[in-house]
Amino acid sequence: MSQKTYRAAAIGHTGAGNFGHGLHIAYNNLDNVEFIAVADPDEAGREKAMADTGAVRGYADYRDMLDKETLDIVSVCPRWVPEHLAMVTGCLEAGCNVYCEKPMTMSLADGDKIVETANARGLKVAVAHQAVYLPATHAIKRMLDDGKIGTVQAIYASGKQDHRGGGEDMITLGTHTFNMMRFFVGDVAWMQSHVTINGKEVAHGDAHEPTEPVGPVAGDCVNSYFAFKNGVSGFFSSRRAQRGTGRYGMEIVGSEGILSLRGDVANRLMVYPYPVLLPSNPAQEWEAMDLDDTPFSQGNELAIRDLVDAIENDRKPISAAEDAVAALEMILGAYQSQLTGQRVPFPIANREHPFS
């Protein structure tokens, strides 16, 4: 790593997504980063963020901050998505690399604009899919690559399936899930989905506003199938208001075994080291595997460390803007497939939101 000290700042919006999942405090333990400023139109929120980060200056307008400060990295923090495009492109046009809260955008077209702007200016955009930065996730990837469960054949993923189950679950938590599926097995060739509400087929006009503005969502039940380019089959399901906990996660099925990842952190790993699941055979039991216990909350710090390395070595961040667009394709493709009654090839031709 070079001896450069990076100048960083954060953009939040108290009352409209706030500072997201702590993206502004990800710099607190980094010796090679000097945190300079925060922007937030809410005075109380701005003062709190300054206290939390040690920022020396605060701004009511993030554009004023970008104009007056000389910055290397800016966190675009609000959970709410509508301002992301303007905020991220504003940072890029000011010459700043960006760490952005997920979902990055509401539409593929907006995501494409961010990717194009970053590439044209030679800057990096990383996205807060924290799980793929954790050492445990990378250990699982190595296991898969090394044939721990043989040849990977399928991934069965589930949303949290709480009161947001269906379309909202698919974007708010599904963006993590789909990003991780791609991290493990690569790009999608095509997908097909079935989306319903109260047992009826979702159609144009059935979209509703979600709990927080992440774009139109639809359906209380989503079932999607993904054909990955390497031959792996992917499945995602989410139903609203399912009883019980621990549904969120995935099983990865191989020719010689199964890996089960449940919960927010990938270090909750169970391994079934046999080619066929046989509950009737008591000798074939699931085995718990201990992995690095770095907490999910530290994913933001790991992401900033990776972003700095990506800047210095001119490489793509582990979870880049392109990956956020690809995860959103797996989300919006479900609606595109449902509304057209057809399977959807990737990249998806319709770059606008299917319910726009």
Protein backbone atom coordinates (compact mmCIF):
# COMPACT_ATOMS: atom_id res chain seq x y z
CA MET A 1 0.00 0.00 0.00
CA SER A 2 1.22 3.48 -0.80
CA GLN A 3 1.90 6.12 1.85
CA LYS A 4 -0.88 8.38 0.56
CA THR A 5 -3.43 9.67 3.03
CA TYR A 6 -6.93 9.68 1.51
CA ARG A 7 -9.33 12.51 2.26
CA ALA A 8 -12.86 11.21 2.84
CA ALA A 9 -16.35 12.57 3.48
CA ALA A 10 -19.93 11.31 3.70
CA ILE A 11 -23.31 12.38 2.38
CA GLY A 12 -26.40 11.62 4.43
CA HIS A 13 -29.98 12.83 4.58
CA THR A 14 -31.59 12.60 8.00
CA GLY A 15 -35.27 11.74 7.59
CA ALA A 16 -34.72 10.41 4.07
CA GLY A 17 -32.54 7.36 4.56
CA ASN A 18 -30.25 8.95 7.16
CA PHE A 19 -26.66 7.67 6.94
CA GLY A 20 -27.70 4.17 5.94
CA HIS A 21 -26.11 1.25 7.74
CA GLY A 22 -23.22 3.25 9.19
CA LEU A 23 -21.37 3.96 5.96
CA HIS A 24 -20.06 7.23 7.40
CA ILE A 25 -18.29 5.59 10.36
CA ALA A 26 -16.48 2.99 8.25
CA TYR A 27 -13.35 5.16 8.26
CA ASN A 28 -12.84 5.43 12.01
CA ASN A 29 -10.14 2.72 12.24
CA LEU A 30 -8.23 3.51 9.04
CA ASP A 31 -4.82 5.09 9.53
CA ASN A 32 -4.47 6.05 5.86
CA VAL A 33 -7.76 7.97 5.70
CA GLU A 34 -8.46 11.46 7.03
CA PHE A 35 -12.17 12.04 7.44
CA ILE A 36 -12.88 15.66 6.54
CA ALA A 37 -16.57 16.50 6.25
CA VAL A 38 -20.20 15.42 6.26
CA ALA A 39 -23.17 16.77 4.37
CA ASP A 40 -26.76 16.55 5.61
CA PRO A 41 -29.58 19.08 5.10
CA ASP A 42 -30.84 18.32 8.62
CA GLU A 43 -28.90 20.35 11.18
CA ALA A 44 -29.30 17.93 14.09
CA GLY A 45 -28.42 14.96 11.91
CA ARG A 46 -25.41 16.80 10.53
CA GLU A 47 -24.11 17.65 14.01
CA LYS A 48 -24.53 14.05 15.17
CA ALA A 49 -22.71 12.72 12.11
CA MET A 50 -19.86 15.16 12.72
CA ALA A 51 -19.58 13.95 16.30
CA ASP A 52 -19.71 10.28 15.24
CA THR A 53 -16.98 10.70 12.61
CA GLY A 54 -14.80 13.48 13.95
CA ALA A 55 -15.43 15.51 10.79
CA VAL A 56 -14.05 19.02 10.98
CA ARG A 57 -16.68 20.59 8.73
CA GLY A 58 -20.36 20.07 7.97
CA TYR A 59 -22.47 21.19 5.02
CA ALA A 60 -26.20 21.47 4.49
CA ASP A 61 -25.79 20.86 0.73
CA TYR A 62 -23.55 18.04 -0.48
CA ARG A 63 -22.91 19.94 -3.71
CA ASP A 64 -21.42 22.75 -1.69
CA MET A 65 -19.17 20.24 0.08
CA LEU A 66 -18.00 18.69 -3.20
CA ASP A 67 -17.25 22.17 -4.56
CA LYS A 68 -15.26 23.40 -1.57
CA GLU A 69 -13.44 20.29 -0.34
CA THR A 70 -10.65 18.33 -2.02
CA LEU A 71 -11.74 14.71 -1.53
CA ASP A 72 -10.65 11.26 -2.65
CA ILE A 73 -13.51 9.09 -1.37
CA VAL A 74 -17.12 9.91 -0.48
CA SER A 75 -19.67 7.61 1.13
CA VAL A 76 -23.16 8.08 -0.30
CA CYS A 77 -25.04 6.84 2.73
CA PRO A 78 -28.87 7.22 2.58
CA ARG A 79 -30.88 4.00 2.57
CA TRP A 80 -33.48 5.75 0.43
CA VAL A 81 -32.59 5.38 -3.23
CA PRO A 82 -34.10 8.39 -5.11
CA GLU A 83 -31.10 10.68 -4.51
CA HIS A 84 -28.40 8.10 -5.22
CA LEU A 85 -27.96 8.80 -8.93
CA ALA A 86 -27.48 12.57 -8.43
CA MET A 87 -25.28 12.09 -5.38
CA VAL A 88 -23.01 9.42 -6.91
CA THR A 89 -22.62 11.16 -10.27
CA GLY A 90 -22.02 14.46 -8.47
CA CYS A 91 -19.17 12.84 -6.53
CA LEU A 92 -17.71 11.29 -9.68
CA GLU A 93 -17.88 14.59 -11.56
CA ALA A 94 -16.00 16.16 -8.65
CA GLY A 95 -13.24 13.56 -9.06
CA CYS A 96 -14.18 11.41 -6.04
CA ASN A 97 -14.32 7.66 -5.73
CA VAL A 98 -17.55 6.45 -4.09
CA TYR A 99 -18.82 3.93 -1.54
CA CYS A 100 -22.62 3.74 -2.02
CA GLU A 101 -25.41 2.24 0.07
CA LYS A 102 -27.46 -0.53 -1.54
CA PRO A 103 -29.66 -0.73 -3.56
CA MET A 104 -27.54 1.56 -5.71
CA THR A 105 -30.34 2.65 -8.08
CA MET A 106 -34.00 2.00 -8.86
CA SER A 107 -33.47 1.25 -12.56
CA LEU A 108 -30.85 -0.43 -14.69
CA ALA A 109 -30.60 2.72 -16.79
CA ASP A 110 -29.56 4.77 -13.75
CA GLY A 111 -27.06 2.08 -12.77
CA ASP A 112 -25.64 2.12 -16.29
CA LYS A 113 -25.15 5.90 -16.02
CA ILE A 114 -23.11 5.47 -12.85
CA VAL A 115 -20.96 2.74 -14.40
CA GLU A 116 -20.39 4.79 -17.55
CA THR A 117 -19.51 7.95 -15.62
CA ALA A 118 -17.07 6.13 -13.33
CA ASN A 119 -15.37 4.39 -16.25
CA ALA A 120 -15.11 7.62 -18.27
CA ARG A 121 -13.41 9.37 -15.35
CA GLY A 122 -11.22 6.47 -14.25
CA LEU A 123 -12.84 6.32 -10.80
CA LYS A 124 -14.10 3.47 -8.61
CA VAL A 125 -17.58 2.90 -7.19
CA ALA A 126 -18.02 0.25 -4.51
CA VAL A 127 -21.43 -0.78 -3.15
CA ALA A 128 -22.36 -1.80 0.40
CA HIS A 129 -22.96 -5.50 -0.15
CA GLN A 130 -21.05 -6.07 3.08
CA ALA A 131 -21.27 -9.88 3.15
CA VAL A 132 -18.98 -10.40 0.14
CA TYR A 133 -16.18 -8.53 1.92
CA LEU A 134 -16.17 -10.86 4.94
CA PRO A 135 -13.31 -13.37 5.28
CA ALA A 136 -15.86 -16.15 5.85
CA THR A 137 -17.45 -15.53 2.45
CA HIS A 138 -14.06 -15.72 0.75
CA ALA A 139 -13.31 -18.96 2.62
CA ILE A 140 -16.56 -20.45 1.29
CA LYS A 141 -15.66 -19.34 -2.23
CA ARG A 142 -12.32 -21.13 -1.91
CA MET A 143 -14.10 -24.27 -0.70
CA LEU A 144 -16.35 -24.24 -3.75
CA ASP A 145 -13.42 -23.62 -6.10
CA ASP A 146 -11.45 -26.42 -4.42
CA GLY A 147 -14.29 -28.95 -4.85
CA LYS A 148 -15.36 -29.20 -1.19
CA ILE A 149 -18.82 -30.33 -2.36
CA GLY A 150 -17.77 -31.49 -5.82
CA THR A 151 -19.12 -29.70 -8.86
CA VAL A 152 -21.59 -26.94 -7.91
CA GLN A 153 -24.95 -27.75 -9.47
CA ALA A 154 -27.55 -25.46 -7.89
CA ILE A 155 -28.15 -22.66 -5.39
CA TYR A 156 -31.44 -22.46 -3.49
CA ALA A 157 -31.81 -18.99 -1.92
CA SER A 158 -34.53 -17.53 0.28
CA GLY A 159 -35.45 -14.04 1.37
CA LYS A 160 -36.16 -13.11 4.98
CA GLN A 161 -39.88 -13.60 4.26
CA ASP A 162 -41.14 -11.23 6.95
CA HIS A 163 -43.86 -8.58 6.51
CA ARG A 164 -41.96 -7.35 3.44
CA GLY A 165 -41.96 -10.80 1.85
CA GLY A 166 -42.33 -10.93 -1.91
CA GLY A 167 -41.21 -7.97 -3.99
CA GLU A 168 -39.90 -5.71 -1.21
CA ASP A 169 -37.94 -8.54 0.40
CA MET A 170 -36.50 -9.32 -3.05
CA ILE A 171 -34.88 -5.89 -3.38
CA THR A 172 -34.04 -4.82 0.19
CA LEU A 173 -32.37 -8.10 1.20
CA GLY A 174 -32.32 -9.89 -2.14
CA THR A 175 -29.72 -7.48 -3.48
CA HIS A 176 -27.27 -9.03 -0.95
CA THR A 177 -28.39 -12.54 -1.88
CA PHE A 178 -28.09 -12.10 -5.63
CA ASN A 179 -24.74 -10.35 -5.30
CA MET A 180 -23.45 -13.30 -3.27
CA MET A 181 -24.85 -15.86 -5.73
CA ARG A 182 -22.90 -14.13 -8.51
CA PHE A 183 -19.80 -13.93 -6.30
CA PHE A 184 -19.92 -17.70 -5.91
CA VAL A 185 -20.88 -18.87 -9.43
CA GLY A 186 -20.64 -15.98 -11.90
CA ASP A 187 -23.00 -14.33 -14.37
CA VAL A 188 -26.60 -15.17 -15.29
CA ALA A 189 -27.47 -16.14 -18.87
CA TRP A 190 -31.25 -15.90 -18.48
CA MET A 191 -34.05 -16.09 -15.90
CA GLN A 192 -37.76 -16.81 -15.55
CA SER A 193 -40.09 -15.94 -12.70
CA HIS A 194 -43.56 -16.29 -11.24
CA VAL A 195 -44.83 -13.37 -9.13
CA THR A 196 -48.25 -13.39 -7.45
CA ILE A 197 -50.27 -11.38 -4.95
CA ASN A 198 -52.96 -13.12 -2.89
CA GLY A 199 -52.54 -16.09 -5.24
CA LYS A 200 -53.25 -14.05 -8.39
CA GLU A 201 -50.82 -13.29 -11.20
CA VAL A 202 -49.14 -9.91 -10.86
CA ALA A 203 -49.92 -7.63 -13.82
CA HIS A 204 -49.32 -4.01 -14.84
CA GLY A 205 -50.84 -1.74 -12.22
CA ASP A 206 -50.14 -4.10 -9.32
CA ALA A 207 -47.00 -2.35 -8.09
CA HIS A 208 -47.13 -0.64 -4.70
CA GLU A 209 -44.92 1.68 -2.68
CA PRO A 210 -42.51 -0.16 -0.37
CA THR A 211 -41.74 0.63 3.27
CA GLU A 212 -38.85 2.82 2.09
CA PRO A 213 -38.44 4.28 -1.42
CA VAL A 214 -36.36 1.69 -3.29
CA GLY A 215 -38.53 1.76 -6.43
CA PRO A 216 -41.86 0.10 -7.26
CA VAL A 217 -42.33 -3.40 -5.83
CA ALA A 218 -45.03 -5.98 -6.48
CA GLY A 219 -46.26 -9.31 -5.23
CA ASP A 220 -46.37 -11.14 -1.90
CA CYS A 221 -44.84 -14.25 -3.44
CA VAL A 222 -41.84 -14.45 -5.79
CA ASN A 223 -40.29 -17.57 -7.29
CA SER A 224 -37.39 -17.07 -9.70
CA TYR A 225 -35.19 -19.43 -11.68
CA PHE A 226 -31.74 -18.40 -12.93
CA ALA A 227 -29.67 -20.17 -15.57
CA PHE A 228 -26.06 -19.21 -14.85
CA LYS A 229 -23.61 -19.17 -17.73
CA ASN A 230 -21.53 -21.97 -16.21
CA GLY A 231 -24.49 -24.35 -16.05
CA VAL A 232 -25.42 -23.81 -12.38
CA SER A 233 -29.14 -23.51 -11.67
CA GLY A 234 -30.27 -20.81 -9.25
CA PHE A 235 -33.54 -20.48 -7.37
CA PHE A 236 -34.93 -17.65 -5.22
CA SER A 237 -38.16 -17.61 -3.24
CA SER A 238 -39.87 -15.15 -0.92
CA ARG A 239 -43.36 -15.28 0.59
CA ARG A 240 -44.82 -12.69 2.88
CA ALA A 241 -45.24 -13.22 6.63
CA GLN A 242 -43.83 -16.70 6.98
CA ARG A 243 -43.54 -17.98 10.55
CA GLY A 244 -40.19 -18.83 12.09
CA THR A 245 -36.73 -17.36 11.77
CA GLY A 246 -33.61 -18.27 9.90
CA ARG A 247 -35.15 -18.48 6.44
CA TYR A 248 -32.79 -15.86 4.98
CA GLY A 249 -29.82 -17.43 3.23
CA MET A 250 -29.04 -20.22 0.79
CA GLU A 251 -28.07 -23.82 0.22
CA ILE A 252 -25.39 -24.57 -2.36
CA VAL A 253 -25.76 -28.07 -3.78
CA GLY A 254 -22.83 -29.91 -5.32
CA SER A 255 -22.26 -33.34 -6.78
CA GLU A 256 -20.63 -34.48 -3.53
CA GLY A 257 -22.34 -32.45 -0.81
CA ILE A 258 -24.29 -29.40 0.34
CA LEU A 259 -23.30 -26.12 2.02
CA SER A 260 -25.96 -24.31 4.05
CA LEU A 261 -25.59 -20.58 4.81
CA ARG A 262 -28.33 -19.04 6.93
CA GLY A 263 -28.60 -15.67 8.62
CA ASP A 264 -26.97 -12.31 8.00
CA VAL A 265 -23.39 -13.55 8.18
CA ALA A 266 -21.83 -16.21 5.99
CA ASN A 267 -19.87 -17.68 8.92
CA ARG A 268 -22.97 -19.64 9.97
CA LEU A 269 -22.02 -22.58 7.81
CA MET A 270 -23.27 -26.17 7.86
CA VAL A 271 -21.82 -28.84 5.59
CA TYR A 272 -23.46 -32.08 4.48
CA PRO A 273 -20.49 -34.00 3.01
CA TYR A 274 -22.49 -36.60 1.13
CA PRO A 275 -23.82 -36.65 -2.44
CA VAL A 276 -27.45 -37.38 -1.49
CA LEU A 277 -29.46 -36.04 1.45
CA LEU A 278 -30.63 -39.13 3.34
CA PRO A 279 -32.45 -38.25 6.58
CA SER A 280 -33.08 -41.97 7.10
CA ASN A 281 -29.36 -42.63 7.48
CA PRO A 282 -28.28 -41.46 10.97
CA ALA A 283 -24.62 -41.88 10.02
CA GLN A 284 -24.90 -39.05 7.49
CA GLU A 285 -25.16 -35.91 9.59
CA TRP A 286 -24.70 -32.22 8.97
CA GLU A 287 -21.41 -30.83 10.23
CA ALA A 288 -20.93 -27.33 11.64
CA MET A 289 -17.89 -25.53 10.25
CA ASP A 290 -16.23 -22.69 12.16
CA LEU A 291 -15.11 -19.80 9.98
CA ASP A 292 -13.72 -16.35 10.67
CA ASP A 293 -16.22 -14.58 12.96
CA THR A 294 -15.71 -11.04 11.64
CA PRO A 295 -19.14 -9.42 12.22
CA PHE A 296 -21.33 -8.22 9.38
CA SER A 297 -21.07 -4.67 10.72
CA GLN A 298 -17.34 -4.63 9.95
CA GLY A 299 -18.10 -5.20 6.28
CA ASN A 300 -18.16 -1.44 5.67
CA GLU A 301 -14.60 -1.00 6.95
CA LEU A 302 -13.42 -3.98 4.87
CA ALA A 303 -15.14 -2.44 1.85
CA ILE A 304 -13.28 0.87 2.27
CA ARG A 305 -9.97 -0.98 2.67
CA ASP A 306 -10.75 -2.87 -0.53
CA LEU A 307 -11.78 0.35 -2.31
CA VAL A 308 -8.45 1.98 -1.43
CA ASP A 309 -6.61 -1.08 -2.75
CA ALA A 310 -8.73 -1.02 -5.91
CA ILE A 311 -7.82 2.64 -6.45
CA GLU A 312 -4.11 2.00 -5.94
CA ASN A 313 -4.00 -1.10 -8.14
CA ASP A 314 -6.55 0.07 -10.73
CA ARG A 315 -8.83 -2.93 -10.34
CA LYS A 316 -12.54 -3.44 -9.79
CA PRO A 317 -13.74 -3.37 -6.16
CA ILE A 318 -15.04 -6.68 -4.82
CA SER A 319 -18.60 -5.33 -4.99
CA ALA A 320 -18.51 -2.68 -7.71
CA ALA A 321 -21.19 -0.60 -9.42
CA GLU A 322 -21.30 -3.21 -12.20
CA ASP A 323 -22.13 -5.88 -9.62
CA ALA A 324 -24.92 -3.74 -8.16
CA VAL A 325 -26.42 -3.39 -11.65
CA ALA A 326 -26.15 -7.16 -12.20
CA ALA A 327 -27.89 -7.89 -8.88
CA LEU A 328 -30.64 -5.40 -9.78
CA GLU A 329 -31.07 -7.22 -13.10
CA MET A 330 -31.86 -10.40 -11.16
CA ILE A 331 -34.49 -8.43 -9.22
CA LEU A 332 -36.16 -6.45 -12.00
CA GLY A 333 -35.88 -9.43 -14.33
CA ALA A 334 -38.45 -11.17 -12.14
CA TYR A 335 -41.01 -8.50 -13.00
CA GLN A 336 -39.98 -8.42 -16.65
CA SER A 337 -40.50 -12.18 -16.89
CA GLN A 338 -43.83 -12.12 -15.02
CA LEU A 339 -45.27 -9.27 -17.08
CA THR A 340 -44.19 -10.74 -20.43
CA GLY A 341 -44.79 -14.39 -19.55
CA GLN A 342 -41.37 -15.22 -21.00
CA ARG A 343 -37.87 -16.02 -19.90
CA VAL A 344 -35.59 -12.98 -19.96
CA PRO A 345 -32.10 -13.10 -21.50
CA PHE A 346 -29.27 -11.12 -19.89
CA PRO A 347 -28.30 -8.36 -20.26
CA ILE A 348 -31.94 -7.26 -20.10
CA ALA A 349 -32.92 -5.10 -23.06
CA ASN A 350 -35.41 -3.00 -21.05
CA ARG A 351 -33.18 -0.82 -18.85
CA GLU A 352 -36.11 1.01 -17.25
CA HIS A 353 -38.08 -0.34 -14.30
CA PRO A 354 -40.72 -2.77 -15.64
CA PHE A 355 -43.39 -0.96 -13.57
CA SER A 356 -42.26 2.55 -14.46
